[in-house]
Amino acid sequence: MLKIRLRRTGAKKQPAYRLVVAESTAPRDGTFLEILGHYNPLTTPTTFEIKEERVRQWLERGAQPTERVERLLKARGFLETETQAEAPAQPETAGSAA
């Protein structure tokens, strides 16, 4: 199974990550098929650059994002959240039920 996941780069106590497509059995920093972008959590604001077209192609081929990658993609607005896809948001009521 193919996974879209983060591969750690950078020095000790200065993490930076590459977004890669890799076999799920490969080690975190092991072999991978393609680099799709990079992520740096230490910058303000965090840097997250991706090749959107390539990510879409890999997702269509069946590659599964890890939990962290899925959160990053959703925060960027790249993936729809399940609640948005299933049902529209309910309007909130101003008063309480009497």
PDB file of N, CA and C in Angstrom:
ATOM      1  N   MET A   1       0.840  -1.169   0.000  1.00  0.00           N
ATOM      2  CA  MET A   1       0.000   0.000   0.000  1.00  0.00           C
ATOM      3  C   MET A   1       0.889   1.237   0.000  1.00  0.00           C
ATOM      4  N   LEU A   2       0.518   2.227  -0.801  1.00  0.00           N
ATOM      5  CA  LEU A   2       1.282   3.465  -0.873  1.00  0.00           C
ATOM      6  C   LEU A   2       0.738   4.485   0.121  1.00  0.00           C
ATOM      7  N   LYS A   3       1.650   5.225   0.743  1.00  0.00           N
ATOM      8  CA  LYS A   3       1.290   6.252   1.719  1.00  0.00           C
ATOM      9  C   LYS A   3       1.907   7.574   1.293  1.00  0.00           C
ATOM     10  N   ILE A   4       1.169   8.644   1.524  1.00  0.00           N
ATOM     11  CA  ILE A   4       1.722   9.988   1.394  1.00  0.00           C
ATOM     12  C   ILE A   4       2.065  10.397   2.810  1.00  0.00           C
ATOM     13  N   ARG A   5       3.363  10.597   3.083  1.00  0.00           N
ATOM     14  CA  ARG A   5       3.778  10.843   4.454  1.00  0.00           C
ATOM     15  C   ARG A   5       4.949  11.812   4.514  1.00  0.00           C
ATOM     16  N   LEU A   6       5.310  12.172   5.749  1.00  0.00           N
ATOM     17  CA  LEU A   6       6.416  13.091   5.970  1.00  0.00           C
ATOM     18  C   LEU A   6       7.710  12.312   6.178  1.00  0.00           C
ATOM     19  N   ARG A   7       8.778  12.813   5.591  1.00  0.00           N
ATOM     20  CA  ARG A   7      10.114  12.232   5.739  1.00  0.00           C
ATOM     21  C   ARG A   7      10.986  13.287   6.389  1.00  0.00           C
ATOM     22  N   ARG A   8      11.535  12.992   7.535  1.00  0.00           N
ATOM     23  CA  ARG A   8      12.289  13.998   8.290  1.00  0.00           C
ATOM     24  C   ARG A   8      13.635  14.299   7.651  1.00  0.00           C
ATOM     25  N   THR A   9      13.937  15.592   7.575  1.00  0.00           N
ATOM     26  CA  THR A   9      15.250  16.079   7.162  1.00  0.00           C
ATOM     27  C   THR A   9      15.653  17.138   8.178  1.00  0.00           C
ATOM     28  N   GLY A  10      16.763  17.765   8.002  1.00  0.00           N
ATOM     29  CA  GLY A  10      17.163  18.829   8.916  1.00  0.00           C
ATOM     30  C   GLY A  10      18.067  18.319  10.015  1.00  0.00           C
ATOM     31  N   ALA A  11      18.618  19.263  10.755  1.00  0.00           N
ATOM     32  CA  ALA A  11      19.585  18.949  11.807  1.00  0.00           C
ATOM     33  C   ALA A  11      18.883  18.551  13.098  1.00  0.00           C
ATOM     34  N   LYS A  12      19.686  18.148  14.059  1.00  0.00           N
ATOM     35  CA  LYS A  12      19.175  17.786  15.376  1.00  0.00           C
ATOM     36  C   LYS A  12      18.462  18.985  16.002  1.00  0.00           C
ATOM     37  N   LYS A  13      17.266  18.756  16.507  1.00  0.00           N
ATOM     38  CA  LYS A  13      16.414  19.769  17.135  1.00  0.00           C
ATOM     39  C   LYS A  13      15.979  20.880  16.180  1.00  0.00           C
ATOM     40  N   GLN A  14      16.136  20.667  14.881  1.00  0.00           N
ATOM     41  CA  GLN A  14      15.675  21.602  13.864  1.00  0.00           C
ATOM     42  C   GLN A  14      14.981  20.813  12.755  1.00  0.00           C
ATOM     43  N   PRO A  15      13.809  20.260  13.053  1.00  0.00           N
ATOM     44  CA  PRO A  15      13.169  19.382  12.076  1.00  0.00           C
ATOM     45  C   PRO A  15      12.624  20.140  10.869  1.00  0.00           C
ATOM     46  N   ALA A  16      12.758  19.513   9.739  1.00  0.00           N
ATOM     47  CA  ALA A  16      12.116  19.938   8.501  1.00  0.00           C
ATOM     48  C   ALA A  16      11.682  18.637   7.841  1.00  0.00           C
ATOM     49  N   TYR A  17      10.660  18.686   7.048  1.00  0.00           N
ATOM     50  CA  TYR A  17      10.107  17.455   6.482  1.00  0.00           C
ATOM     51  C   TYR A  17       9.881  17.601   4.990  1.00  0.00           C
ATOM     52  N   ARG A  18       9.994  16.478   4.282  1.00  0.00           N
ATOM     53  CA  ARG A  18       9.599  16.397   2.878  1.00  0.00           C
ATOM     54  C   ARG A  18       8.327  15.574   2.819  1.00  0.00           C
ATOM     55  N   LEU A  19       7.414  15.986   1.977  1.00  0.00           N
ATOM     56  CA  LEU A  19       6.188  15.229   1.738  1.00  0.00           C
ATOM     57  C   LEU A  19       6.499  14.258   0.601  1.00  0.00           C
ATOM     58  N   VAL A  20       6.421  12.955   0.880  1.00  0.00           N
ATOM     59  CA  VAL A  20       6.811  11.951  -0.104  1.00  0.00           C
ATOM     60  C   VAL A  20       5.735  10.874  -0.252  1.00  0.00           C
ATOM     61  N   VAL A  21       5.811  10.161  -1.360  1.00  0.00           N
ATOM     62  CA  VAL A  21       5.006   8.957  -1.563  1.00  0.00           C
ATOM     63  C   VAL A  21       5.945   7.785  -1.353  1.00  0.00           C
ATOM     64  N   ALA A  22       5.565   6.888  -0.442  1.00  0.00           N
ATOM     65  CA  ALA A  22       6.425   5.750  -0.125  1.00  0.00           C
ATOM     66  C   ALA A  22       5.571   4.518   0.143  1.00  0.00           C
ATOM     67  N   GLU A  23       6.179   3.379   0.020  1.00  0.00           N
ATOM     68  CA  GLU A  23       5.527   2.127   0.387  1.00  0.00           C
ATOM     69  C   GLU A  23       5.334   2.139   1.902  1.00  0.00           C
ATOM     70  N   SER A  24       4.203   1.650   2.374  1.00  0.00           N
ATOM     71  CA  SER A  24       3.899   1.711   3.810  1.00  0.00           C
ATOM     72  C   SER A  24       4.869   0.899   4.651  1.00  0.00           C
ATOM     73  N   THR A  25       5.528  -0.086   4.055  1.00  0.00           N
ATOM     74  CA  THR A  25       6.464  -0.918   4.810  1.00  0.00           C
ATOM     75  C   THR A  25       7.867  -0.316   4.870  1.00  0.00           C
ATOM     76  N   ALA A  26       8.136   0.726   4.090  1.00  0.00           N
ATOM     77  CA  ALA A  26       9.461   1.357   4.073  1.00  0.00           C
ATOM     78  C   ALA A  26       9.668   2.173   5.346  1.00  0.00           C
ATOM     79  N   PRO A  27      10.901   2.264   5.840  1.00  0.00           N
ATOM     80  CA  PRO A  27      11.162   3.080   7.028  1.00  0.00           C
ATOM     81  C   PRO A  27      10.862   4.553   6.767  1.00  0.00           C
ATOM     82  N   ARG A  28      10.674   5.326   7.841  1.00  0.00           N
ATOM     83  CA  ARG A  28      10.307   6.742   7.720  1.00  0.00           C
ATOM     84  C   ARG A  28      11.252   7.506   6.813  1.00  0.00           C
ATOM     85  N   ASP A  29      12.535   7.324   6.987  1.00  0.00           N
ATOM     86  CA  ASP A  29      13.519   8.046   6.189  1.00  0.00           C
ATOM     87  C   ASP A  29      14.134   7.156   5.117  1.00  0.00           C
ATOM     88  N   GLY A  30      13.429   6.099   4.739  1.00  0.00           N
ATOM     89  CA  GLY A  30      13.935   5.152   3.752  1.00  0.00           C
ATOM     90  C   GLY A  30      13.570   5.534   2.333  1.00  0.00           C
ATOM     91  N   THR A  31      13.412   4.520   1.504  1.00  0.00           N
ATOM     92  CA  THR A  31      13.146   4.748   0.093  1.00  0.00           C
ATOM     93  C   THR A  31      11.759   5.346  -0.119  1.00  0.00           C
ATOM     94  N   PHE A  32      11.634   6.109  -1.195  1.00  0.00           N
ATOM     95  CA  PHE A  32      10.365   6.721  -1.544  1.00  0.00           C
ATOM     96  C   PHE A  32      10.266   6.801  -3.061  1.00  0.00           C
ATOM     97  N   LEU A  33       9.072   7.066  -3.562  1.00  0.00           N
ATOM     98  CA  LEU A  33       8.858   7.109  -5.004  1.00  0.00           C
ATOM     99  C   LEU A  33       8.983   8.521  -5.575  1.00  0.00           C
ATOM    100  N   GLU A  34       8.465   9.521  -4.840  1.00  0.00           N
ATOM    101  CA  GLU A  34       8.478  10.880  -5.357  1.00  0.00           C
ATOM    102  C   GLU A  34       8.353  11.886  -4.211  1.00  0.00           C
ATOM    103  N   ILE A  35       9.030  13.025  -4.353  1.00  0.00           N
ATOM    104  CA  ILE A  35       8.891  14.135  -3.407  1.00  0.00           C
ATOM    105  C   ILE A  35       7.755  15.016  -3.906  1.00  0.00           C
ATOM    106  N   LEU A  36       6.771  15.254  -3.037  1.00  0.00           N
ATOM    107  CA  LEU A  36       5.604  16.049  -3.410  1.00  0.00           C
ATOM    108  C   LEU A  36       5.623  17.457  -2.823  1.00  0.00           C
ATOM    109  N   GLY A  37       6.527  17.727  -1.906  1.00  0.00           N
ATOM    110  CA  GLY A  37       6.585  19.053  -1.310  1.00  0.00           C
ATOM    111  C   GLY A  37       7.443  19.048  -0.065  1.00  0.00           C
ATOM    112  N   HIS A  38       7.329  20.142   0.724  1.00  0.00           N
ATOM    113  CA  HIS A  38       8.079  20.219   1.976  1.00  0.00           C
ATOM    114  C   HIS A  38       7.264  20.946   3.033  1.00  0.00           C
ATOM    115  N   TYR A  39       7.645  20.709   4.302  1.00  0.00           N
ATOM    116  CA  TYR A  39       6.952  21.264   5.462  1.00  0.00           C
ATOM    117  C   TYR A  39       7.981  21.648   6.502  1.00  0.00           C
ATOM    118  N   ASN A  40       7.904  22.899   6.998  1.00  0.00           N
ATOM    119  CA  ASN A  40       8.800  23.352   8.055  1.00  0.00           C
ATOM    120  C   ASN A  40       7.966  23.924   9.187  1.00  0.00           C
ATOM    121  N   PRO A  41       7.840  23.206  10.302  1.00  0.00           N
ATOM    122  CA  PRO A  41       7.009  23.671  11.411  1.00  0.00           C
ATOM    123  C   PRO A  41       7.656  24.772  12.242  1.00  0.00           C
ATOM    124  N   LEU A  42       8.938  25.061  12.054  1.00  0.00           N
ATOM    125  CA  LEU A  42       9.632  26.030  12.889  1.00  0.00           C
ATOM    126  C   LEU A  42       9.481  27.469  12.406  1.00  0.00           C
ATOM    127  N   THR A  43       9.107  27.686  11.168  1.00  0.00           N
ATOM    128  CA  THR A  43       8.934  29.050  10.680  1.00  0.00           C
ATOM    129  C   THR A  43       7.615  29.618  11.188  1.00  0.00           C
ATOM    130  N   THR A  44       7.511  30.955  11.203  1.00  0.00           N
ATOM    131  CA  THR A  44       6.271  31.593  11.637  1.00  0.00           C
ATOM    132  C   THR A  44       5.759  32.439  10.496  1.00  0.00           C
ATOM    133  N   PRO A  45       4.639  32.120   9.877  1.00  0.00           N
ATOM    134  CA  PRO A  45       3.835  30.907  10.044  1.00  0.00           C
ATOM    135  C   PRO A  45       4.539  29.703   9.412  1.00  0.00           C
ATOM    136  N   THR A  46       4.046  28.522   9.718  1.00  0.00           N
ATOM    137  CA  THR A  46       4.691  27.310   9.207  1.00  0.00           C
ATOM    138  C   THR A  46       4.679  27.295   7.685  1.00  0.00           C
ATOM    139  N   THR A  47       5.724  26.734   7.116  1.00  0.00           N
ATOM    140  CA  THR A  47       5.844  26.630   5.665  1.00  0.00           C
ATOM    141  C   THR A  47       5.351  25.255   5.236  1.00  0.00           C
ATOM    142  N   PHE A  48       4.397  25.230   4.295  1.00  0.00           N
ATOM    143  CA  PHE A  48       3.905  23.964   3.754  1.00  0.00           C
ATOM    144  C   PHE A  48       3.662  24.157   2.269  1.00  0.00           C
ATOM    145  N   GLU A  49       4.577  23.680   1.449  1.00  0.00           N
ATOM    146  CA  GLU A  49       4.497  23.806   0.002  1.00  0.00           C
ATOM    147  C   GLU A  49       4.289  22.420  -0.599  1.00  0.00           C
ATOM    148  N   ILE A  50       3.319  22.309  -1.518  1.00  0.00           N
ATOM    149  CA  ILE A  50       3.070  21.022  -2.164  1.00  0.00           C
ATOM    150  C   ILE A  50       2.855  21.207  -3.654  1.00  0.00           C
ATOM    151  N   LYS A  51       3.083  20.132  -4.396  1.00  0.00           N
ATOM    152  CA  LYS A  51       2.749  20.083  -5.816  1.00  0.00           C
ATOM    153  C   LYS A  51       1.333  19.524  -5.891  1.00  0.00           C
ATOM    154  N   GLU A  52       0.347  20.423  -5.922  1.00  0.00           N
ATOM    155  CA  GLU A  52      -1.057  20.015  -5.795  1.00  0.00           C
ATOM    156  C   GLU A  52      -1.486  19.020  -6.867  1.00  0.00           C
ATOM    157  N   GLU A  53      -1.060  19.242  -8.097  1.00  0.00           N
ATOM    158  CA  GLU A  53      -1.460  18.339  -9.184  1.00  0.00           C
ATOM    159  C   GLU A  53      -0.948  16.919  -8.951  1.00  0.00           C
ATOM    160  N   ARG A  54       0.308  16.804  -8.528  1.00  0.00           N
ATOM    161  CA  ARG A  54       0.891  15.483  -8.277  1.00  0.00           C
ATOM    162  C   ARG A  54       0.239  14.795  -7.076  1.00  0.00           C
ATOM    163  N   VAL A  55      -0.097  15.574  -6.030  1.00  0.00           N
ATOM    164  CA  VAL A  55      -0.769  14.997  -4.865  1.00  0.00           C
ATOM    165  C   VAL A  55      -2.123  14.432  -5.288  1.00  0.00           C
ATOM    166  N   ARG A  56      -2.870  15.199  -6.095  1.00  0.00           N
ATOM    167  CA  ARG A  56      -4.174  14.719  -6.588  1.00  0.00           C
ATOM    168  C   ARG A  56      -4.024  13.427  -7.385  1.00  0.00           C
ATOM    169  N   GLN A  57      -3.003  13.359  -8.234  1.00  0.00           N
ATOM    170  CA  GLN A  57      -2.784  12.156  -9.037  1.00  0.00           C
ATOM    171  C   GLN A  57      -2.493  10.944  -8.155  1.00  0.00           C
ATOM    172  N   TRP A  58      -1.675  11.116  -7.139  1.00  0.00           N
ATOM    173  CA  TRP A  58      -1.363   9.999  -6.248  1.00  0.00           C
ATOM    174  C   TRP A  58      -2.584   9.583  -5.439  1.00  0.00           C
ATOM    175  N   LEU A  59      -3.398  10.540  -5.009  1.00  0.00           N
ATOM    176  CA  LEU A  59      -4.615  10.197  -4.276  1.00  0.00           C
ATOM    177  C   LEU A  59      -5.583   9.419  -5.162  1.00  0.00           C
ATOM    178  N   GLU A  60      -5.684   9.804  -6.437  1.00  0.00           N
ATOM    179  CA  GLU A  60      -6.541   9.088  -7.384  1.00  0.00           C
ATOM    180  C   GLU A  60      -6.045   7.669  -7.628  1.00  0.00           C
ATOM    181  N   ARG A  61      -4.733   7.473  -7.566  1.00  0.00           N
ATOM    182  CA  ARG A  61      -4.148   6.136  -7.753  1.00  0.00           C
ATOM    183  C   ARG A  61      -4.312   5.250  -6.523  1.00  0.00           C
ATOM    184  N   GLY A  62      -4.785   5.834  -5.404  1.00  0.00           N
ATOM    185  CA  GLY A  62      -5.034   5.023  -4.231  1.00  0.00           C
ATOM    186  C   GLY A  62      -4.069   5.223  -3.087  1.00  0.00           C
ATOM    187  N   ALA A  63      -3.145   6.172  -3.202  1.00  0.00           N
ATOM    188  CA  ALA A  63      -2.229   6.445  -2.092  1.00  0.00           C
ATOM    189  C   ALA A  63      -3.012   7.065  -0.941  1.00  0.00           C
ATOM    190  N   GLN A  64      -2.722   6.620   0.275  1.00  0.00           N
ATOM    191  CA  GLN A  64      -3.427   7.096   1.465  1.00  0.00           C
ATOM    192  C   GLN A  64      -2.541   8.061   2.245  1.00  0.00           C
ATOM    193  N   PRO A  65      -3.051   9.258   2.587  1.00  0.00           N
ATOM    194  CA  PRO A  65      -2.250  10.157   3.418  1.00  0.00           C
ATOM    195  C   PRO A  65      -2.244   9.688   4.868  1.00  0.00           C
ATOM    196  N   THR A  66      -1.137   9.932   5.570  1.00  0.00           N
ATOM    197  CA  THR A  66      -1.089   9.633   6.998  1.00  0.00           C
ATOM    198  C   THR A  66      -1.951  10.654   7.730  1.00  0.00           C
ATOM    199  N   GLU A  67      -2.177  10.428   9.021  1.00  0.00           N
ATOM    200  CA  GLU A  67      -3.026  11.332   9.799  1.00  0.00           C
ATOM    201  C   GLU A  67      -2.483  12.755   9.782  1.00  0.00           C
ATOM    202  N   ARG A  68      -1.199  12.923   9.997  1.00  0.00           N
ATOM    203  CA  ARG A  68      -0.588  14.260  10.032  1.00  0.00           C
ATOM    204  C   ARG A  68      -0.696  14.943   8.674  1.00  0.00           C
ATOM    205  N   VAL A  69      -0.412  14.224   7.607  1.00  0.00           N
ATOM    206  CA  VAL A  69      -0.487  14.794   6.267  1.00  0.00           C
ATOM    207  C   VAL A  69      -1.931  15.172   5.944  1.00  0.00           C
ATOM    208  N   GLU A  70      -2.865  14.327   6.330  1.00  0.00           N
ATOM    209  CA  GLU A  70      -4.272  14.622   6.094  1.00  0.00           C
ATOM    210  C   GLU A  70      -4.679  15.911   6.806  1.00  0.00           C
ATOM    211  N   ARG A  71      -4.222  16.086   8.053  1.00  0.00           N
ATOM    212  CA  ARG A  71      -4.511  17.315   8.801  1.00  0.00           C
ATOM    213  C   ARG A  71      -3.909  18.538   8.126  1.00  0.00           C
ATOM    214  N   LEU A  72      -2.670  18.414   7.632  1.00  0.00           N
ATOM    215  CA  LEU A  72      -2.022  19.532   6.951  1.00  0.00           C
ATOM    216  C   LEU A  72      -2.753  19.896   5.662  1.00  0.00           C
ATOM    217  N   LEU A  73      -3.170  18.881   4.903  1.00  0.00           N
ATOM    218  CA  LEU A  73      -3.890  19.139   3.659  1.00  0.00           C
ATOM    219  C   LEU A  73      -5.253  19.769   3.914  1.00  0.00           C
ATOM    220  N   LYS A  74      -5.939  19.315   4.957  1.00  0.00           N
ATOM    221  CA  LYS A  74      -7.235  19.892   5.300  1.00  0.00           C
ATOM    222  C   LYS A  74      -7.092  21.331   5.778  1.00  0.00           C
ATOM    223  N   ALA A  75      -6.064  21.615   6.556  1.00  0.00           N
ATOM    224  CA  ALA A  75      -5.830  22.978   7.040  1.00  0.00           C
ATOM    225  C   ALA A  75      -5.554  23.921   5.878  1.00  0.00           C
ATOM    226  N   ARG A  76      -4.961  23.417   4.846  1.00  0.00           N
ATOM    227  CA  ARG A  76      -4.682  24.226   3.657  1.00  0.00           C
ATOM    228  C   ARG A  76      -5.905  24.338   2.751  1.00  0.00           C
ATOM    229  N   GLY A  77      -6.947  23.541   3.030  1.00  0.00           N
ATOM    230  CA  GLY A  77      -8.145  23.566   2.203  1.00  0.00           C
ATOM    231  C   GLY A  77      -8.048  22.662   0.997  1.00  0.00           C
ATOM    232  N   PHE A  78      -7.071  21.782   0.993  1.00  0.00           N
ATOM    233  CA  PHE A  78      -6.851  20.881  -0.141  1.00  0.00           C
ATOM    234  C   PHE A  78      -7.828  19.719  -0.124  1.00  0.00           C
ATOM    235  N   LEU A  79      -8.081  19.155   1.044  1.00  0.00           N
ATOM    236  CA  LEU A  79      -9.028  18.048   1.199  1.00  0.00           C
ATOM    237  C   LEU A  79     -10.280  18.556   1.894  1.00  0.00           C
ATOM    238  N   GLU A  80     -11.428  18.032   1.501  1.00  0.00           N
ATOM    239  CA  GLU A  80     -12.659  18.352   2.216  1.00  0.00           C
ATOM    240  C   GLU A  80     -12.707  17.532   3.493  1.00  0.00           C
ATOM    241  N   THR A  81     -13.250  18.110   4.535  1.00  0.00           N
ATOM    242  CA  THR A  81     -13.451  17.330   5.751  1.00  0.00           C
ATOM    243  C   THR A  81     -14.679  16.459   5.553  1.00  0.00           C
ATOM    244  N   GLU A  82     -14.757  15.358   6.261  1.00  0.00           N
ATOM    245  CA  GLU A  82     -15.858  14.418   6.105  1.00  0.00           C
ATOM    246  C   GLU A  82     -17.200  15.068   6.434  1.00  0.00           C
ATOM    247  N   THR A  83     -17.225  15.930   7.447  1.00  0.00           N
ATOM    248  CA  THR A  83     -18.488  16.549   7.845  1.00  0.00           C
ATOM    249  C   THR A  83     -18.986  17.515   6.777  1.00  0.00           C
ATOM    250  N   GLN A  84     -18.088  18.198   6.090  1.00  0.00           N
ATOM    251  CA  GLN A  84     -18.489  19.095   5.020  1.00  0.00           C
ATOM    252  C   GLN A  84     -19.011  18.313   3.827  1.00  0.00           C
ATOM    253  N   ALA A  85     -18.413  17.167   3.539  1.00  0.00           N
ATOM    254  CA  ALA A  85     -18.814  16.385   2.385  1.00  0.00           C
ATOM    255  C   ALA A  85     -20.149  15.674   2.621  1.00  0.00           C
ATOM    256  N   GLU A  86     -20.422  15.248   3.858  1.00  0.00           N
ATOM    257  CA  GLU A  86     -21.631  14.482   4.126  1.00  0.00           C
ATOM    258  C   GLU A  86     -22.881  15.351   4.237  1.00  0.00           C
ATOM    259  N   ALA A  87     -22.821  16.417   5.019  1.00  0.00           N
ATOM    260  CA  ALA A  87     -24.007  17.234   5.233  1.00  0.00           C
ATOM    261  C   ALA A  87     -23.613  18.697   5.383  1.00  0.00           C
ATOM    262  N   PRO A  88     -24.482  19.598   4.910  1.00  0.00           N
ATOM    263  CA  PRO A  88     -24.189  21.021   5.107  1.00  0.00           C
ATOM    264  C   PRO A  88     -24.307  21.386   6.571  1.00  0.00           C
ATOM    265  N   ALA A  89     -23.661  22.476   6.940  1.00  0.00           N
ATOM    266  CA  ALA A  89     -23.674  22.916   8.345  1.00  0.00           C
ATOM    267  C   ALA A  89     -25.064  23.332   8.776  1.00  0.00           C
ATOM    268  N   GLN A  90     -25.431  22.991  10.018  1.00  0.00           N
ATOM    269  CA  GLN A  90     -26.723  23.337  10.578  1.00  0.00           C
ATOM    270  C   GLN A  90     -26.651  24.754  11.133  1.00  0.00           C
ATOM    271  N   PRO A  91     -27.652  25.599  10.857  1.00  0.00           N
ATOM    272  CA  PRO A  91     -27.635  26.939  11.450  1.00  0.00           C
ATOM    273  C   PRO A  91     -27.865  26.846  12.953  1.00  0.00           C
ATOM    274  N   GLU A  92     -27.124  27.673  13.701  1.00  0.00           N
ATOM    275  CA  GLU A  92     -27.258  27.665  15.149  1.00  0.00           C
ATOM    276  C   GLU A  92     -28.451  28.506  15.558  1.00  0.00           C
ATOM    277  N   THR A  93     -29.142  28.068  16.611  1.00  0.00           N
ATOM    278  CA  THR A  93     -30.293  28.829  17.119  1.00  0.00           C
ATOM    279  C   THR A  93     -29.798  29.800  18.178  1.00  0.00           C
ATOM    280  N   ALA A  94     -30.384  30.993  18.195  1.00  0.00           N
ATOM    281  CA  ALA A  94     -29.934  32.027  19.116  1.00  0.00           C
ATOM    282  C   ALA A  94     -30.467  31.792  20.524  1.00  0.00           C
ATOM    283  N   GLY A  95     -31.693  31.274  20.651  1.00  0.00           N
ATOM    284  CA  GLY A  95     -32.290  31.078  21.982  1.00  0.00           C
ATOM    285  C   GLY A  95     -32.258  29.639  22.408  1.00  0.00           C
ATOM    286  N   SER A  96     -32.601  29.406  23.641  1.00  0.00           N
ATOM    287  CA  SER A  96     -32.670  28.037  24.146  1.00  0.00           C
ATOM    288  C   SER A  96     -34.111  27.516  24.040  1.00  0.00           C
ATOM    289  N   ALA A  97     -34.241  26.208  24.005  1.00  0.00           N
ATOM    290  CA  ALA A  97     -35.577  25.604  23.904  1.00  0.00           C
ATOM    291  C   ALA A  97     -36.324  25.799  25.212  1.00  0.00           C
ATOM    292  N   ALA A  98     -37.589  26.220  25.130  1.00  0.00           N
ATOM    293  CA  ALA A  98     -38.365  26.495  26.339  1.00  0.00           C
ATOM    294  C   ALA A  98     -39.383  25.415  26.596  1.00  0.00           C
TER     295      ALA A  98
END
